[in-house]
């Protein structure tokens, strides 16, 4: 459970950075930001694997780059279901999803179990 909360906080940081840097993405309050991060984690756990499976031929054809579009779609799905979060279009969702993915990747690499032991 602690790991899920940490990952949600990392995603919330990525979403906050995306609201600051990406035009077209707006989150009304910090509570909405945290709820969006939790909902994004749930959507990524349940819907994203199905979306990846259904788009596998296109993902293979584009050498994996279509996964960026799938990530944008997952962020758009969260914005659709969450009042207080709006995305201005595909490109705003694309850049925001890319930024959230990068922050999550870095955060998970820093906070993965045993990372502090390997630090020196």
N, C-alpha and C. Protein backbone atom coordinates (compact mmCIF):
# COMPACT_ATOMS: atom_id res chain seq x y z
N UNK A 1 0.82 -1.19 0.00
CA UNK A 1 0.00 0.00 0.00
C UNK A 1 0.87 1.26 0.00
N UNK A 2 1.97 1.22 0.75
CA UNK A 2 2.88 2.36 0.80
C UNK A 2 3.47 2.63 -0.57
N UNK A 3 3.80 1.57 -1.29
CA UNK A 3 4.37 1.71 -2.64
C UNK A 3 3.37 2.40 -3.58
N UNK A 4 2.08 2.03 -3.48
CA UNK A 4 1.05 2.65 -4.32
C UNK A 4 0.93 4.14 -4.00
N UNK A 5 0.97 4.49 -2.72
CA UNK A 5 0.86 5.90 -2.32
C UNK A 5 2.06 6.68 -2.84
N UNK A 6 3.26 6.10 -2.73
CA UNK A 6 4.45 6.76 -3.24
C UNK A 6 4.36 6.97 -4.75
N UNK A 7 3.92 5.95 -5.47
CA UNK A 7 3.77 6.09 -6.93
C UNK A 7 2.71 7.13 -7.29
N UNK A 8 1.63 7.20 -6.50
CA UNK A 8 0.59 8.21 -6.75
C UNK A 8 1.14 9.61 -6.50
N UNK A 9 1.96 9.78 -5.46
CA UNK A 9 2.55 11.09 -5.20
C UNK A 9 3.54 11.49 -6.30
N UNK A 10 4.28 10.53 -6.83
CA UNK A 10 5.19 10.81 -7.94
C UNK A 10 4.39 11.21 -9.18
N UNK A 11 3.29 10.49 -9.44
CA UNK A 11 2.43 10.85 -10.58
C UNK A 11 1.81 12.23 -10.37
N UNK A 12 1.44 12.54 -9.13
CA UNK A 12 0.89 13.87 -8.84
C UNK A 12 1.92 14.96 -9.11
N UNK A 13 3.17 14.69 -8.78
CA UNK A 13 4.24 15.64 -9.09
C UNK A 13 4.35 15.84 -10.60
N UNK A 14 4.30 14.75 -11.34
CA UNK A 14 4.35 14.84 -12.81
C UNK A 14 3.16 15.60 -13.37
N UNK A 15 1.99 15.34 -12.83
CA UNK A 15 0.80 16.07 -13.29
C UNK A 15 0.91 17.56 -12.96
N UNK A 16 1.43 17.86 -11.77
CA UNK A 16 1.59 19.27 -11.40
C UNK A 16 2.57 19.96 -12.36
N UNK A 17 3.69 19.31 -12.65
CA UNK A 17 4.64 19.88 -13.60
C UNK A 17 4.00 20.07 -14.97
N UNK A 18 3.18 19.10 -15.37
CA UNK A 18 2.51 19.20 -16.66
C UNK A 18 1.53 20.37 -16.68
N UNK A 19 0.84 20.62 -15.57
CA UNK A 19 -0.08 21.77 -15.55
C UNK A 19 0.68 23.08 -15.64
N UNK A 20 1.91 23.10 -15.12
CA UNK A 20 2.72 24.31 -15.17
C UNK A 20 3.35 24.53 -16.55
N UNK A 21 3.75 23.47 -17.23
CA UNK A 21 4.53 23.58 -18.46
C UNK A 21 3.75 23.35 -19.74
N UNK A 22 2.62 22.68 -19.67
CA UNK A 22 1.87 22.34 -20.89
C UNK A 22 0.62 23.21 -20.97
N UNK A 23 0.54 23.99 -22.04
CA UNK A 23 -0.67 24.78 -22.27
C UNK A 23 -1.82 23.84 -22.62
N UNK A 24 -2.97 24.07 -22.01
CA UNK A 24 -4.14 23.27 -22.31
C UNK A 24 -4.47 22.23 -21.26
N UNK A 25 -3.63 22.09 -20.27
CA UNK A 25 -3.93 21.16 -19.17
C UNK A 25 -4.18 21.99 -17.92
N UNK A 26 -5.33 21.75 -17.30
CA UNK A 26 -5.70 22.51 -16.11
C UNK A 26 -6.28 21.57 -15.07
N UNK A 27 -5.81 21.74 -13.83
CA UNK A 27 -6.36 21.02 -12.68
C UNK A 27 -6.76 22.07 -11.67
N UNK A 28 -8.00 21.99 -11.19
CA UNK A 28 -8.57 23.05 -10.37
C UNK A 28 -7.97 23.17 -8.97
N UNK A 29 -7.66 22.05 -8.32
CA UNK A 29 -7.21 22.12 -6.93
C UNK A 29 -6.19 21.03 -6.64
N UNK A 30 -5.45 21.18 -5.54
CA UNK A 30 -4.51 20.11 -5.16
C UNK A 30 -5.21 18.78 -4.88
N UNK A 31 -6.41 18.82 -4.34
CA UNK A 31 -7.16 17.59 -4.09
C UNK A 31 -7.50 16.90 -5.41
N UNK A 32 -7.88 17.67 -6.41
CA UNK A 32 -8.16 17.12 -7.72
C UNK A 32 -6.89 16.54 -8.33
N UNK A 33 -5.77 17.19 -8.10
CA UNK A 33 -4.48 16.70 -8.61
C UNK A 33 -4.15 15.34 -8.01
N UNK A 34 -4.31 15.19 -6.70
CA UNK A 34 -4.05 13.90 -6.06
C UNK A 34 -5.04 12.83 -6.51
N UNK A 35 -6.29 13.21 -6.65
CA UNK A 35 -7.30 12.26 -7.13
C UNK A 35 -7.01 11.84 -8.57
N UNK A 36 -6.55 12.78 -9.38
CA UNK A 36 -6.19 12.45 -10.77
C UNK A 36 -5.02 11.48 -10.81
N UNK A 37 -4.05 11.65 -9.92
CA UNK A 37 -2.91 10.74 -9.88
C UNK A 37 -3.34 9.34 -9.47
N UNK A 38 -4.22 9.23 -8.49
CA UNK A 38 -4.71 7.91 -8.07
C UNK A 38 -5.53 7.28 -9.18
N UNK A 39 -6.41 8.06 -9.80
CA UNK A 39 -7.24 7.55 -10.89
C UNK A 39 -6.37 7.15 -12.09
N UNK A 40 -5.31 7.90 -12.35
CA UNK A 40 -4.39 7.54 -13.43
C UNK A 40 -3.71 6.20 -13.14
N UNK A 41 -3.35 5.98 -11.89
CA UNK A 41 -2.77 4.70 -11.51
C UNK A 41 -3.74 3.55 -11.71
N UNK A 42 -5.00 3.76 -11.38
CA UNK A 42 -6.01 2.72 -11.56
C UNK A 42 -6.27 2.46 -13.04
N UNK A 43 -6.38 3.54 -13.82
CA UNK A 43 -6.60 3.39 -15.26
C UNK A 43 -5.42 2.70 -15.91
N UNK A 44 -4.20 3.05 -15.50
CA UNK A 44 -3.01 2.41 -16.06
C UNK A 44 -2.94 0.93 -15.69
N UNK A 45 -3.49 0.56 -14.55
CA UNK A 45 -3.47 -0.84 -14.12
C UNK A 45 -4.55 -1.67 -14.80
N UNK A 46 -5.68 -1.06 -15.12
CA UNK A 46 -6.82 -1.83 -15.64
C UNK A 46 -7.03 -1.64 -17.14
N UNK A 47 -7.12 -0.40 -17.59
CA UNK A 47 -7.48 -0.12 -18.99
C UNK A 47 -6.27 -0.18 -19.92
N UNK A 48 -5.14 0.32 -19.48
CA UNK A 48 -3.95 0.43 -20.34
C UNK A 48 -3.49 -0.91 -20.91
N UNK A 49 -3.44 -2.00 -20.11
CA UNK A 49 -3.03 -3.27 -20.71
C UNK A 49 -3.94 -3.73 -21.85
N UNK A 50 -5.24 -3.51 -21.70
CA UNK A 50 -6.18 -3.85 -22.76
C UNK A 50 -5.95 -2.98 -23.99
N UNK A 51 -5.72 -1.69 -23.78
CA UNK A 51 -5.46 -0.78 -24.90
C UNK A 51 -4.16 -1.15 -25.61
N UNK A 52 -3.15 -1.54 -24.86
CA UNK A 52 -1.88 -1.95 -25.47
C UNK A 52 -2.08 -3.21 -26.29
N UNK A 53 -2.84 -4.16 -25.75
CA UNK A 53 -3.10 -5.40 -26.49
C UNK A 53 -3.87 -5.14 -27.78
N UNK A 54 -4.86 -4.27 -27.73
CA UNK A 54 -5.67 -3.99 -28.91
C UNK A 54 -4.90 -3.20 -29.97
N UNK A 55 -3.92 -2.42 -29.55
CA UNK A 55 -3.16 -1.61 -30.50
C UNK A 55 -1.78 -2.20 -30.78
N UNK A 56 -1.57 -3.45 -30.43
CA UNK A 56 -0.26 -4.07 -30.58
C UNK A 56 0.28 -4.02 -32.01
N UNK A 57 -0.53 -4.31 -33.04
CA UNK A 57 0.02 -4.22 -34.40
C UNK A 57 0.54 -2.81 -34.74
N UNK A 58 -0.22 -1.79 -34.35
CA UNK A 58 0.21 -0.42 -34.62
C UNK A 58 1.44 -0.05 -33.79
N UNK A 59 1.49 -0.55 -32.57
CA UNK A 59 2.65 -0.30 -31.71
C UNK A 59 3.90 -0.94 -32.31
N UNK A 60 3.77 -2.16 -32.81
CA UNK A 60 4.91 -2.82 -33.44
C UNK A 60 5.33 -2.11 -34.73
N UNK A 61 4.35 -1.66 -35.49
CA UNK A 61 4.64 -0.97 -36.75
C UNK A 61 5.38 0.34 -36.52
N UNK A 62 5.07 1.01 -35.41
CA UNK A 62 5.73 2.29 -35.11
C UNK A 62 6.91 2.12 -34.16
N UNK A 63 7.33 0.88 -33.95
CA UNK A 63 8.45 0.56 -33.07
C UNK A 63 8.25 1.08 -31.64
N UNK A 64 7.03 1.03 -31.17
CA UNK A 64 6.71 1.40 -29.80
C UNK A 64 6.29 2.84 -29.59
N UNK A 65 6.43 3.66 -30.60
CA UNK A 65 6.08 5.08 -30.42
C UNK A 65 4.58 5.30 -30.21
N UNK A 66 3.75 4.36 -30.68
CA UNK A 66 2.32 4.51 -30.49
C UNK A 66 1.93 4.42 -29.01
N UNK A 67 2.82 3.88 -28.19
CA UNK A 67 2.54 3.84 -26.75
C UNK A 67 2.40 5.24 -26.17
N UNK A 68 3.05 6.22 -26.78
CA UNK A 68 2.88 7.61 -26.33
C UNK A 68 1.44 8.07 -26.57
N UNK A 69 0.85 7.63 -27.67
CA UNK A 69 -0.55 7.96 -27.95
C UNK A 69 -1.47 7.25 -26.96
N UNK A 70 -1.15 6.00 -26.64
CA UNK A 70 -1.94 5.26 -25.65
C UNK A 70 -1.86 5.97 -24.29
N UNK A 71 -0.68 6.42 -23.89
CA UNK A 71 -0.54 7.15 -22.63
C UNK A 71 -1.36 8.44 -22.65
N UNK A 72 -1.35 9.15 -23.77
CA UNK A 72 -2.17 10.36 -23.89
C UNK A 72 -3.65 10.02 -23.76
N UNK A 73 -4.05 8.90 -24.33
CA UNK A 73 -5.44 8.47 -24.22
C UNK A 73 -5.84 8.15 -22.79
N UNK A 74 -4.92 7.54 -22.04
CA UNK A 74 -5.21 7.23 -20.63
C UNK A 74 -5.37 8.51 -19.82
N UNK A 75 -4.53 9.50 -20.09
CA UNK A 75 -4.65 10.79 -19.41
C UNK A 75 -5.95 11.48 -19.81
N UNK A 76 -6.32 11.38 -21.08
CA UNK A 76 -7.59 11.94 -21.54
C UNK A 76 -8.78 11.25 -20.89
N UNK A 77 -8.67 9.95 -20.68
CA UNK A 77 -9.74 9.21 -20.02
C UNK A 77 -9.91 9.67 -18.57
N UNK A 78 -8.81 9.90 -17.89
CA UNK A 78 -8.87 10.41 -16.52
C UNK A 78 -9.54 11.79 -16.51
N UNK A 79 -9.15 12.65 -17.44
CA UNK A 79 -9.74 14.00 -17.50
C UNK A 79 -11.24 13.94 -17.84
N UNK A 80 -11.63 12.95 -18.63
CA UNK A 80 -13.04 12.79 -18.99
C UNK A 80 -13.89 12.46 -17.77
N UNK A 81 -13.37 11.59 -16.91
CA UNK A 81 -14.14 11.14 -15.76
C UNK A 81 -13.99 12.03 -14.53
N UNK A 82 -13.00 12.90 -14.51
CA UNK A 82 -12.71 13.67 -13.30
C UNK A 82 -13.10 15.13 -13.49
N UNK A 83 -14.16 15.57 -12.80
CA UNK A 83 -14.49 16.99 -12.88
C UNK A 83 -13.38 17.81 -12.21
N UNK A 84 -13.05 18.92 -12.80
CA UNK A 84 -11.98 19.75 -12.26
C UNK A 84 -10.66 19.57 -12.98
N UNK A 85 -10.61 18.64 -13.92
CA UNK A 85 -9.41 18.44 -14.74
C UNK A 85 -9.83 18.54 -16.20
N UNK A 86 -9.16 19.44 -16.93
CA UNK A 86 -9.48 19.61 -18.35
C UNK A 86 -8.21 19.53 -19.18
N UNK A 87 -8.37 18.96 -20.37
CA UNK A 87 -7.28 18.89 -21.33
C UNK A 87 -7.77 19.53 -22.62
N UNK A 88 -6.98 20.46 -23.15
CA UNK A 88 -7.38 21.25 -24.30
C UNK A 88 -7.32 20.56 -25.64
N UNK A 89 -6.81 19.37 -25.75
CA UNK A 89 -6.73 18.68 -27.02
C UNK A 89 -5.70 17.57 -26.99
N UNK A 90 -5.51 16.95 -28.16
CA UNK A 90 -4.62 15.80 -28.24
C UNK A 90 -3.18 16.17 -27.88
N UNK A 91 -2.68 17.25 -28.44
CA UNK A 91 -1.27 17.59 -28.21
C UNK A 91 -1.00 17.97 -26.77
N UNK A 92 -1.95 18.60 -26.11
CA UNK A 92 -1.78 18.88 -24.68
C UNK A 92 -1.73 17.57 -23.90
N UNK A 93 -2.60 16.63 -24.24
CA UNK A 93 -2.59 15.32 -23.57
C UNK A 93 -1.30 14.57 -23.88
N UNK A 94 -0.83 14.67 -25.12
CA UNK A 94 0.40 13.98 -25.53
C UNK A 94 1.60 14.46 -24.73
N UNK A 95 1.80 15.79 -24.70
CA UNK A 95 2.96 16.34 -23.99
C UNK A 95 2.84 16.15 -22.48
N UNK A 96 1.63 16.26 -21.97
CA UNK A 96 1.44 16.04 -20.53
C UNK A 96 1.71 14.58 -20.18
N UNK A 97 1.24 13.65 -20.99
CA UNK A 97 1.48 12.23 -20.73
C UNK A 97 2.97 11.91 -20.82
N UNK A 98 3.66 12.53 -21.77
CA UNK A 98 5.10 12.33 -21.89
C UNK A 98 5.83 12.84 -20.65
N UNK A 99 5.43 13.99 -20.17
CA UNK A 99 6.06 14.57 -18.98
C UNK A 99 5.76 13.74 -17.74
N UNK A 100 4.51 13.31 -17.58
CA UNK A 100 4.15 12.47 -16.43
C UNK A 100 4.91 11.14 -16.49
N UNK A 101 5.06 10.57 -17.67
CA UNK A 101 5.79 9.31 -17.82
C UNK A 101 7.26 9.49 -17.44
N UNK A 102 7.87 10.58 -17.88
CA UNK A 102 9.28 10.82 -17.54
C UNK A 102 9.48 11.02 -16.04
N UNK A 103 8.61 11.81 -15.42
CA UNK A 103 8.72 12.03 -13.98
C UNK A 103 8.49 10.73 -13.23
N UNK A 104 7.53 9.92 -13.66
CA UNK A 104 7.26 8.64 -13.01
C UNK A 104 8.44 7.69 -13.17
N UNK A 105 9.03 7.68 -14.34
CA UNK A 105 10.18 6.81 -14.60
C UNK A 105 11.35 7.19 -13.68
N UNK A 106 11.64 8.48 -13.60
CA UNK A 106 12.74 8.95 -12.74
C UNK A 106 12.41 8.69 -11.27
N UNK A 107 11.20 9.01 -10.86
CA UNK A 107 10.80 8.81 -9.46
C UNK A 107 10.83 7.35 -9.06
N UNK A 108 10.34 6.48 -9.92
CA UNK A 108 10.35 5.05 -9.59
C UNK A 108 11.77 4.49 -9.58
N UNK A 109 12.65 5.02 -10.40
CA UNK A 109 14.04 4.58 -10.38
C UNK A 109 14.72 5.04 -9.08
N UNK A 110 14.38 6.22 -8.61
CA UNK A 110 14.99 6.73 -7.38
C UNK A 110 14.47 6.02 -6.14
N UNK A 111 13.19 5.67 -6.14
CA UNK A 111 12.57 5.12 -4.94
C UNK A 111 12.28 3.63 -5.01
N UNK A 112 12.89 2.93 -5.95
CA UNK A 112 12.64 1.49 -6.01
C UNK A 112 13.32 0.81 -4.83
N UNK A 113 12.77 -0.32 -4.39
CA UNK A 113 13.34 -0.99 -3.21
C UNK A 113 14.83 -1.31 -3.43
N UNK A 114 15.63 -0.96 -2.44
CA UNK A 114 17.07 -1.22 -2.51
C UNK A 114 17.87 -0.13 -3.17
N UNK A 115 17.22 0.94 -3.66
CA UNK A 115 17.94 2.01 -4.36
C UNK A 115 18.89 2.75 -3.42
N UNK A 116 18.49 2.90 -2.17
CA UNK A 116 19.35 3.62 -1.21
C UNK A 116 20.61 2.81 -0.89
N UNK A 117 20.53 1.49 -0.95
CA UNK A 117 21.68 0.67 -0.66
C UNK A 117 22.71 0.73 -1.77
N UNK A 118 22.26 0.93 -3.01
CA UNK A 118 23.18 0.98 -4.14
C UNK A 118 23.69 2.39 -4.40
N UNK A 119 23.22 3.38 -3.65
CA UNK A 119 23.54 4.79 -3.92
C UNK A 119 25.01 5.13 -3.81
N UNK A 120 25.80 4.46 -2.99
CA UNK A 120 27.20 4.88 -2.84
C UNK A 120 28.14 4.08 -3.66
